[in-house]
């Protein structure tokens, strides 16, 4: 009895599982290898806000100038607002060029929030800009930008 390989045959179960494993590994590694550029952040912001002009001054963005470990970079955001029924911060969007996805996090607020303030820790893969955009109930936009120098990357870098 002889066996021969038919190239048109469907791959064996073992081969299919091997290919699935390689695809899964590629899906995990690919985002770590790709980094959002400043242009991609600008495109993301344009898609979200259109061509609206962004003012400055209402957002306090507190980040370390140098992050020794990109895995745990603290970020604090405060937006100046009376947080009344007619004048409040609707949302704050945080973007970072150099990370796999340009938009890192979005916070939503209501007048009941009392204060437009948020704190978290984020991963930064490399030295990059972090941009916060506050969207007010009036539709006005305000932005703040800070650069963080990362000495040990947190996203596989």
N, C-alpha and C. Protein backbone atom coordinates (compact mmCIF):
# COMPACT_ATOMS: atom_id res chain seq x y z
N UNK A 1 0.84 -1.16 0.00
CA UNK A 1 0.00 0.00 0.00
C UNK A 1 0.90 1.24 0.00
N UNK A 2 0.64 2.16 -0.89
CA UNK A 2 1.42 3.39 -0.96
C UNK A 2 0.51 4.58 -0.71
N UNK A 3 1.08 5.59 -0.09
CA UNK A 3 0.36 6.83 0.16
C UNK A 3 1.04 7.92 -0.62
N UNK A 4 0.27 8.78 -1.17
CA UNK A 4 0.84 9.94 -1.84
C UNK A 4 0.10 11.19 -1.38
N UNK A 5 0.79 12.28 -1.46
CA UNK A 5 0.26 13.55 -0.98
C UNK A 5 -0.49 14.25 -2.10
N UNK A 6 -1.72 14.61 -1.85
CA UNK A 6 -2.52 15.33 -2.83
C UNK A 6 -2.51 16.81 -2.44
N UNK A 7 -1.90 17.66 -3.25
CA UNK A 7 -1.75 19.09 -2.94
C UNK A 7 -3.09 19.81 -2.90
N UNK A 8 -4.11 19.27 -3.52
CA UNK A 8 -5.41 19.94 -3.52
C UNK A 8 -6.25 19.58 -2.30
N UNK A 9 -5.77 18.65 -1.50
CA UNK A 9 -6.51 18.19 -0.33
C UNK A 9 -6.54 19.25 0.76
N UNK A 10 -7.56 19.26 1.55
CA UNK A 10 -7.69 20.16 2.69
C UNK A 10 -6.59 19.81 3.69
N UNK A 11 -5.98 20.83 4.32
CA UNK A 11 -4.91 20.54 5.28
C UNK A 11 -5.40 19.65 6.42
N UNK A 12 -4.47 18.88 6.96
CA UNK A 12 -4.81 18.01 8.09
C UNK A 12 -5.18 18.86 9.30
N UNK A 13 -5.80 18.22 10.26
CA UNK A 13 -6.19 18.93 11.49
C UNK A 13 -4.95 19.51 12.19
N UNK A 14 -3.89 18.72 12.23
CA UNK A 14 -2.65 19.18 12.87
C UNK A 14 -2.12 20.43 12.17
N UNK A 15 -2.12 20.40 10.84
CA UNK A 15 -1.61 21.54 10.06
C UNK A 15 -2.51 22.76 10.26
N UNK A 16 -3.82 22.54 10.30
CA UNK A 16 -4.76 23.65 10.51
C UNK A 16 -4.54 24.28 11.88
N UNK A 17 -4.31 23.46 12.91
CA UNK A 17 -4.04 23.99 14.25
C UNK A 17 -2.72 24.75 14.29
N UNK A 18 -1.72 24.26 13.58
CA UNK A 18 -0.44 24.97 13.52
C UNK A 18 -0.63 26.34 12.87
N UNK A 19 -1.38 26.38 11.77
CA UNK A 19 -1.62 27.65 11.08
C UNK A 19 -2.41 28.60 11.96
N UNK A 20 -3.39 28.08 12.70
CA UNK A 20 -4.18 28.91 13.61
C UNK A 20 -3.29 29.48 14.72
N UNK A 21 -2.35 28.66 15.22
CA UNK A 21 -1.42 29.13 16.25
C UNK A 21 -0.54 30.25 15.75
N UNK A 22 -0.04 30.12 14.53
CA UNK A 22 0.79 31.17 13.93
C UNK A 22 -0.03 32.44 13.74
N UNK A 23 -1.28 32.31 13.29
CA UNK A 23 -2.14 33.48 13.10
C UNK A 23 -2.42 34.17 14.43
N UNK A 24 -2.66 33.38 15.48
CA UNK A 24 -2.93 33.97 16.80
C UNK A 24 -1.70 34.71 17.32
N UNK A 25 -0.53 34.11 17.14
CA UNK A 25 0.71 34.77 17.56
C UNK A 25 0.92 36.07 16.80
N UNK A 26 0.66 36.05 15.51
CA UNK A 26 0.79 37.27 14.70
C UNK A 26 -0.18 38.33 15.17
N UNK A 27 -1.40 37.93 15.53
CA UNK A 27 -2.39 38.90 16.01
C UNK A 27 -1.97 39.54 17.32
N UNK A 28 -1.27 38.79 18.16
CA UNK A 28 -0.80 39.33 19.44
C UNK A 28 0.41 40.24 19.23
N UNK A 29 1.32 39.82 18.38
CA UNK A 29 2.56 40.58 18.19
C UNK A 29 2.41 41.79 17.27
N UNK A 30 1.56 41.72 16.28
CA UNK A 30 1.43 42.80 15.31
C UNK A 30 1.12 44.15 15.96
N UNK A 31 0.13 44.24 16.89
CA UNK A 31 -0.13 45.53 17.51
C UNK A 31 1.06 46.05 18.30
N UNK A 32 1.86 45.16 18.85
CA UNK A 32 3.02 45.59 19.63
C UNK A 32 4.11 46.14 18.73
N UNK A 33 4.12 45.69 17.50
CA UNK A 33 5.16 46.13 16.58
C UNK A 33 4.77 47.42 15.87
N UNK A 34 3.46 47.65 15.69
CA UNK A 34 3.03 48.85 14.99
C UNK A 34 2.82 49.96 16.02
N UNK A 35 3.09 51.15 15.61
CA UNK A 35 2.94 52.31 16.47
C UNK A 35 2.17 53.40 15.73
N UNK A 36 1.24 54.03 16.43
CA UNK A 36 0.50 55.13 15.84
C UNK A 36 1.45 56.31 15.64
N UNK A 37 1.31 56.97 14.51
CA UNK A 37 2.13 58.14 14.22
C UNK A 37 1.37 59.41 14.61
N UNK A 38 2.06 60.53 14.60
CA UNK A 38 1.39 61.80 14.87
C UNK A 38 0.29 62.04 13.85
N UNK A 39 0.52 61.64 12.60
CA UNK A 39 -0.48 61.81 11.55
C UNK A 39 -1.72 60.95 11.83
N UNK A 40 -1.52 59.73 12.34
CA UNK A 40 -2.66 58.87 12.66
C UNK A 40 -3.46 59.44 13.84
N UNK A 41 -2.76 60.02 14.81
CA UNK A 41 -3.47 60.68 15.92
C UNK A 41 -4.28 61.84 15.38
N UNK A 42 -3.69 62.65 14.50
CA UNK A 42 -4.40 63.78 13.90
C UNK A 42 -5.61 63.30 13.11
N UNK A 43 -5.47 62.21 12.37
CA UNK A 43 -6.59 61.65 11.61
C UNK A 43 -7.70 61.17 12.53
N UNK A 44 -7.33 60.53 13.63
CA UNK A 44 -8.31 60.04 14.60
C UNK A 44 -9.06 61.21 15.23
N UNK A 45 -8.32 62.27 15.56
CA UNK A 45 -8.95 63.45 16.15
C UNK A 45 -9.86 64.14 15.14
N UNK A 46 -9.44 64.19 13.88
CA UNK A 46 -10.27 64.81 12.84
C UNK A 46 -11.55 64.00 12.63
N UNK A 47 -11.45 62.68 12.67
CA UNK A 47 -12.63 61.83 12.52
C UNK A 47 -13.61 62.05 13.67
N UNK A 48 -13.08 62.28 14.85
CA UNK A 48 -13.92 62.45 16.03
C UNK A 48 -14.48 63.87 16.16
N UNK A 49 -13.67 64.87 15.83
CA UNK A 49 -14.06 66.27 16.08
C UNK A 49 -14.26 67.10 14.82
N UNK A 50 -13.99 66.51 13.65
CA UNK A 50 -14.10 67.30 12.42
C UNK A 50 -13.01 68.35 12.39
N UNK A 51 -13.31 69.49 11.83
CA UNK A 51 -12.32 70.57 11.73
C UNK A 51 -12.48 71.63 12.81
N UNK A 52 -13.16 71.27 13.91
CA UNK A 52 -13.38 72.26 14.98
C UNK A 52 -12.07 72.77 15.55
N UNK A 53 -12.04 74.05 15.85
CA UNK A 53 -10.88 74.67 16.47
C UNK A 53 -10.83 74.28 17.95
N UNK A 54 -9.62 74.02 18.43
CA UNK A 54 -9.45 73.65 19.84
C UNK A 54 -8.77 74.78 20.59
N UNK A 55 -9.40 75.17 21.68
CA UNK A 55 -8.81 76.19 22.52
C UNK A 55 -7.83 75.57 23.51
N UNK A 56 -7.14 76.42 24.23
CA UNK A 56 -6.19 75.96 25.24
C UNK A 56 -6.55 76.58 26.58
N UNK A 57 -6.01 75.99 27.64
CA UNK A 57 -6.10 76.63 28.94
C UNK A 57 -7.04 76.02 29.95
N UNK A 58 -8.06 75.28 29.55
CA UNK A 58 -9.01 74.74 30.53
C UNK A 58 -8.58 73.38 31.08
N UNK A 59 -7.64 72.72 30.41
CA UNK A 59 -7.24 71.38 30.83
C UNK A 59 -5.89 71.42 31.54
N UNK A 60 -5.84 70.76 32.67
CA UNK A 60 -4.57 70.54 33.35
C UNK A 60 -4.23 69.07 33.14
N UNK A 61 -3.16 68.80 32.41
CA UNK A 61 -2.70 67.45 32.10
C UNK A 61 -1.42 67.22 32.89
N UNK A 62 -1.50 66.33 33.85
CA UNK A 62 -0.37 66.07 34.74
C UNK A 62 0.23 64.70 34.44
N UNK A 63 1.42 64.71 33.84
CA UNK A 63 2.17 63.50 33.49
C UNK A 63 3.61 63.70 33.90
N UNK A 64 4.33 62.63 34.19
CA UNK A 64 5.76 62.81 34.46
C UNK A 64 6.50 63.20 33.19
N UNK A 65 7.50 64.03 33.31
CA UNK A 65 8.31 64.41 32.16
C UNK A 65 9.13 63.22 31.67
N UNK A 66 9.62 62.43 32.64
CA UNK A 66 10.39 61.22 32.33
C UNK A 66 9.74 60.05 33.06
N UNK A 67 9.41 59.00 32.31
CA UNK A 67 8.86 57.78 32.90
C UNK A 67 9.93 56.70 32.81
N UNK A 68 10.41 56.27 33.95
CA UNK A 68 11.46 55.25 33.94
C UNK A 68 10.92 53.90 33.51
N UNK A 69 9.62 53.68 33.70
CA UNK A 69 9.01 52.42 33.29
C UNK A 69 7.72 52.74 32.54
N UNK A 70 7.67 52.46 31.26
CA UNK A 70 6.50 52.75 30.45
C UNK A 70 5.29 51.90 30.77
N UNK A 71 5.44 50.88 31.60
CA UNK A 71 4.30 50.03 31.96
C UNK A 71 3.30 50.73 32.86
N UNK A 72 3.76 51.66 33.68
CA UNK A 72 2.88 52.31 34.66
C UNK A 72 3.15 53.81 34.71
N UNK A 73 2.62 54.52 33.74
CA UNK A 73 2.80 55.97 33.70
C UNK A 73 1.52 56.62 34.24
N UNK A 74 1.62 57.33 35.36
CA UNK A 74 0.42 57.96 35.91
C UNK A 74 0.00 59.17 35.07
N UNK A 75 -1.30 59.32 34.91
CA UNK A 75 -1.84 60.47 34.19
C UNK A 75 -3.02 61.01 34.99
N UNK A 76 -3.00 62.31 35.21
CA UNK A 76 -4.08 63.00 35.92
C UNK A 76 -4.60 64.11 35.02
N UNK A 77 -5.92 64.19 34.92
CA UNK A 77 -6.55 65.20 34.08
C UNK A 77 -7.58 65.94 34.91
N UNK A 78 -7.52 67.27 34.87
CA UNK A 78 -8.51 68.13 35.50
C UNK A 78 -8.95 69.16 34.47
N UNK A 79 -10.26 69.35 34.34
CA UNK A 79 -10.79 70.34 33.40
C UNK A 79 -11.57 71.38 34.20
N UNK A 80 -11.23 72.62 33.97
CA UNK A 80 -11.90 73.74 34.64
C UNK A 80 -13.30 73.88 34.08
N UNK A 81 -14.30 73.72 34.95
CA UNK A 81 -15.70 73.83 34.53
C UNK A 81 -16.58 73.96 35.76
N UNK A 82 -17.67 74.76 35.66
CA UNK A 82 -18.60 74.85 36.79
C UNK A 82 -19.42 73.57 36.98
N UNK A 83 -19.46 72.69 35.97
CA UNK A 83 -20.21 71.44 36.00
C UNK A 83 -21.67 71.68 36.40
N UNK A 84 -22.25 72.72 35.80
CA UNK A 84 -23.67 73.04 36.03
C UNK A 84 -24.50 72.37 34.94
N UNK A 85 -25.81 72.45 35.06
CA UNK A 85 -26.71 71.85 34.08
C UNK A 85 -26.50 72.43 32.68
N UNK A 86 -26.06 73.66 32.59
CA UNK A 86 -25.91 74.31 31.28
C UNK A 86 -24.47 74.45 30.83
N UNK A 87 -23.52 74.19 31.72
CA UNK A 87 -22.10 74.35 31.37
C UNK A 87 -21.29 73.26 32.08
N UNK A 88 -20.97 72.21 31.32
CA UNK A 88 -20.22 71.11 31.92
C UNK A 88 -19.33 70.44 30.87
N UNK A 89 -18.42 69.62 31.36
CA UNK A 89 -17.54 68.85 30.50
C UNK A 89 -18.29 67.57 30.13
N UNK A 90 -18.46 67.37 28.83
CA UNK A 90 -19.18 66.17 28.36
C UNK A 90 -18.25 64.96 28.34
N UNK A 91 -17.02 65.15 27.82
CA UNK A 91 -16.08 64.03 27.75
C UNK A 91 -14.65 64.55 27.61
N UNK A 92 -13.71 63.69 27.98
CA UNK A 92 -12.29 63.95 27.78
C UNK A 92 -11.71 62.74 27.07
N UNK A 93 -11.05 62.99 25.95
CA UNK A 93 -10.43 61.94 25.14
C UNK A 93 -8.91 62.07 25.27
N UNK A 94 -8.23 60.94 25.45
CA UNK A 94 -6.77 60.94 25.58
C UNK A 94 -6.18 60.17 24.40
N UNK A 95 -5.21 60.79 23.73
CA UNK A 95 -4.54 60.21 22.58
C UNK A 95 -3.04 60.13 22.87
N UNK A 96 -2.37 59.15 22.25
CA UNK A 96 -0.91 59.03 22.39
C UNK A 96 -0.33 58.52 21.08
N UNK A 97 0.56 59.32 20.49
CA UNK A 97 1.25 58.82 19.31
C UNK A 97 2.35 57.89 19.79
N UNK A 98 2.63 56.87 19.05
CA UNK A 98 3.63 55.90 19.47
C UNK A 98 3.05 54.65 20.10
N UNK A 99 1.77 54.66 20.44
CA UNK A 99 1.13 53.47 20.99
C UNK A 99 0.42 52.72 19.87
N UNK A 100 0.08 51.46 20.08
CA UNK A 100 -0.58 50.69 19.02
C UNK A 100 -1.89 51.33 18.54
N UNK A 101 -2.67 51.89 19.44
CA UNK A 101 -3.90 52.58 19.06
C UNK A 101 -3.78 54.05 19.42
N UNK A 102 -4.16 54.95 18.51
CA UNK A 102 -4.00 56.39 18.80
C UNK A 102 -4.84 56.87 19.98
N UNK A 103 -6.09 56.37 20.11
CA UNK A 103 -6.95 56.82 21.21
C UNK A 103 -6.80 55.85 22.37
N UNK A 104 -6.35 56.38 23.50
CA UNK A 104 -6.03 55.55 24.65
C UNK A 104 -7.26 55.33 25.55
N UNK A 105 -7.96 56.40 25.88
CA UNK A 105 -9.09 56.30 26.81
C UNK A 105 -10.01 57.50 26.60
N UNK A 106 -11.29 57.29 26.93
CA UNK A 106 -12.27 58.38 26.92
C UNK A 106 -13.03 58.34 28.25
N UNK A 107 -13.14 59.50 28.87
CA UNK A 107 -13.92 59.64 30.10
C UNK A 107 -15.17 60.45 29.78
N UNK A 108 -16.30 60.04 30.32
CA UNK A 108 -17.56 60.76 30.12
C UNK A 108 -18.01 61.34 31.46
N UNK A 109 -18.51 62.58 31.41
CA UNK A 109 -18.94 63.28 32.61
C UNK A 109 -20.36 63.81 32.43
N UNK A 110 -21.01 64.10 33.54
CA UNK A 110 -22.31 64.76 33.57
C UNK A 110 -22.24 65.84 34.64
N UNK A 111 -23.22 66.73 34.71
CA UNK A 111 -23.21 67.73 35.78
C UNK A 111 -23.17 67.07 37.17
N UNK A 112 -23.74 65.87 37.28
CA UNK A 112 -23.75 65.16 38.56
C UNK A 112 -22.35 64.68 38.97
N UNK A 113 -21.41 64.69 38.04
CA UNK A 113 -20.03 64.30 38.37
C UNK A 113 -19.42 65.25 39.37
N UNK A 114 -19.89 66.49 39.37
CA UNK A 114 -19.39 67.48 40.31
C UNK A 114 -18.06 68.10 39.90
N UNK A 115 -17.19 67.31 39.33
CA UNK A 115 -15.87 67.77 38.93
C UNK A 115 -15.43 66.94 37.72
N UNK A 116 -14.79 67.58 36.77
CA UNK A 116 -14.27 66.87 35.59
C UNK A 116 -12.81 66.54 35.86
N UNK A 117 -12.60 65.40 36.51
CA UNK A 117 -11.27 65.00 36.91
C UNK A 117 -11.16 63.49 36.79
N UNK A 118 -10.00 63.02 36.32
CA UNK A 118 -9.78 61.58 36.19
C UNK A 118 -8.30 61.28 36.36
N UNK A 119 -8.02 60.12 36.90
CA UNK A 119 -6.65 59.65 37.07
C UNK A 119 -6.58 58.18 36.68
N UNK A 120 -5.50 57.81 36.07
CA UNK A 120 -5.27 56.41 35.72
C UNK A 120 -3.78 56.19 35.52
N UNK A 121 -3.44 55.02 35.14
CA UNK A 121 -2.07 54.69 34.73
C UNK A 121 -2.20 54.12 33.33
N UNK A 122 -1.24 54.47 32.48
CA UNK A 122 -1.28 53.98 31.12
C UNK A 122 0.07 53.45 30.70
N UNK A 123 0.06 52.62 29.69
CA UNK A 123 1.31 52.10 29.13
C UNK A 123 1.74 52.99 27.99
N UNK A 124 3.00 53.33 27.98
CA UNK A 124 3.58 54.08 26.87
C UNK A 124 4.75 53.27 26.35
N UNK A 125 4.75 53.01 25.06
CA UNK A 125 5.75 52.15 24.45
C UNK A 125 7.09 52.83 24.28
N UNK A 126 7.06 54.13 24.10
CA UNK A 126 8.28 54.87 23.79
C UNK A 126 8.04 56.34 24.14
N UNK A 127 9.05 57.15 23.98
CA UNK A 127 8.88 58.59 24.18
C UNK A 127 7.84 59.07 23.19
N UNK A 128 6.83 59.78 23.70
CA UNK A 128 5.73 60.19 22.83
C UNK A 128 4.93 61.32 23.42
N UNK A 129 4.06 61.86 22.59
CA UNK A 129 3.16 62.92 23.01
C UNK A 129 1.86 62.32 23.51
N UNK A 130 1.33 62.91 24.58
CA UNK A 130 0.02 62.55 25.09
C UNK A 130 -0.84 63.80 24.96
N UNK A 131 -2.00 63.64 24.35
CA UNK A 131 -2.90 64.77 24.08
C UNK A 131 -4.24 64.49 24.73
N UNK A 132 -4.75 65.45 25.48
CA UNK A 132 -6.09 65.35 26.07
C UNK A 132 -6.97 66.40 25.41
N UNK A 133 -8.18 65.98 25.02
CA UNK A 133 -9.14 66.89 24.41
C UNK A 133 -10.43 66.83 25.23
N UNK A 134 -10.84 68.00 25.74
CA UNK A 134 -12.09 68.09 26.51
C UNK A 134 -13.18 68.61 25.59
N UNK A 135 -14.30 67.91 25.59
CA UNK A 135 -15.46 68.30 24.81
C UNK A 135 -16.49 68.85 25.79
N UNK A 136 -16.83 70.11 25.63
CA UNK A 136 -17.74 70.78 26.55
C UNK A 136 -19.20 70.61 26.09
N UNK A 137 -20.14 70.86 27.00
CA UNK A 137 -21.56 70.73 26.67
C UNK A 137 -21.96 71.72 25.57
N UNK A 138 -21.24 72.82 25.44
CA UNK A 138 -21.52 73.81 24.41
C UNK A 138 -21.00 73.39 23.04
N UNK A 139 -20.20 72.32 23.01
CA UNK A 139 -19.58 71.88 21.76
C UNK A 139 -18.15 72.38 21.60
N UNK A 140 -17.74 73.28 22.48
CA UNK A 140 -16.37 73.81 22.42
C UNK A 140 -15.38 72.71 22.78
N UNK A 141 -14.20 72.81 22.19
CA UNK A 141 -13.13 71.84 22.44
C UNK A 141 -11.91 72.54 23.02
N UNK A 142 -11.25 71.89 23.97
CA UNK A 142 -10.02 72.40 24.55
C UNK A 142 -9.01 71.25 24.57
N UNK A 143 -7.76 71.58 24.33
CA UNK A 143 -6.75 70.52 24.32
C UNK A 143 -5.52 70.91 25.12
N UNK A 144 -4.81 69.89 25.55
CA UNK A 144 -3.52 70.06 26.23
C UNK A 144 -2.64 68.93 25.75
N UNK A 145 -1.33 69.20 25.68
CA UNK A 145 -0.38 68.22 25.15
C UNK A 145 0.86 68.19 26.03
N UNK A 146 1.37 66.99 26.27
CA UNK A 146 2.61 66.83 27.04
C UNK A 146 3.43 65.70 26.42
N UNK A 147 4.73 65.86 26.45
CA UNK A 147 5.60 64.79 25.98
C UNK A 147 6.17 64.05 27.18
N UNK A 148 6.15 62.72 27.09
CA UNK A 148 6.71 61.88 28.15
C UNK A 148 7.87 61.12 27.54
N UNK A 149 9.03 61.24 28.19
CA UNK A 149 10.21 60.49 27.76
C UNK A 149 10.22 59.16 28.50
N UNK A 150 10.14 58.08 27.76
CA UNK A 150 10.08 56.73 28.33
C UNK A 150 11.46 56.07 28.21
N UNK A 151 11.99 55.60 29.34
CA UNK A 151 13.30 54.96 29.30
C UNK A 151 13.20 53.45 29.12
N UNK A 152 12.13 52.82 29.66
CA UNK A 152 11.86 51.39 29.44
C UNK A 152 10.46 51.28 28.93
N UNK A 153 10.28 50.84 27.68
CA UNK A 153 8.98 50.78 27.04
C UNK A 153 8.02 49.82 27.73
N UNK A 154 6.73 50.16 27.68
CA UNK A 154 5.72 49.37 28.33
C UNK A 154 4.85 48.55 27.40
N UNK A 155 4.98 48.71 26.12
CA UNK A 155 4.13 47.97 25.17
C UNK A 155 4.99 47.08 24.29
N UNK A 156 5.93 46.42 24.88
CA UNK A 156 6.78 45.54 24.12
C UNK A 156 8.00 46.22 23.55
N UNK A 157 8.23 47.50 23.88
CA UNK A 157 9.33 48.25 23.32
C UNK A 157 10.47 48.42 24.28
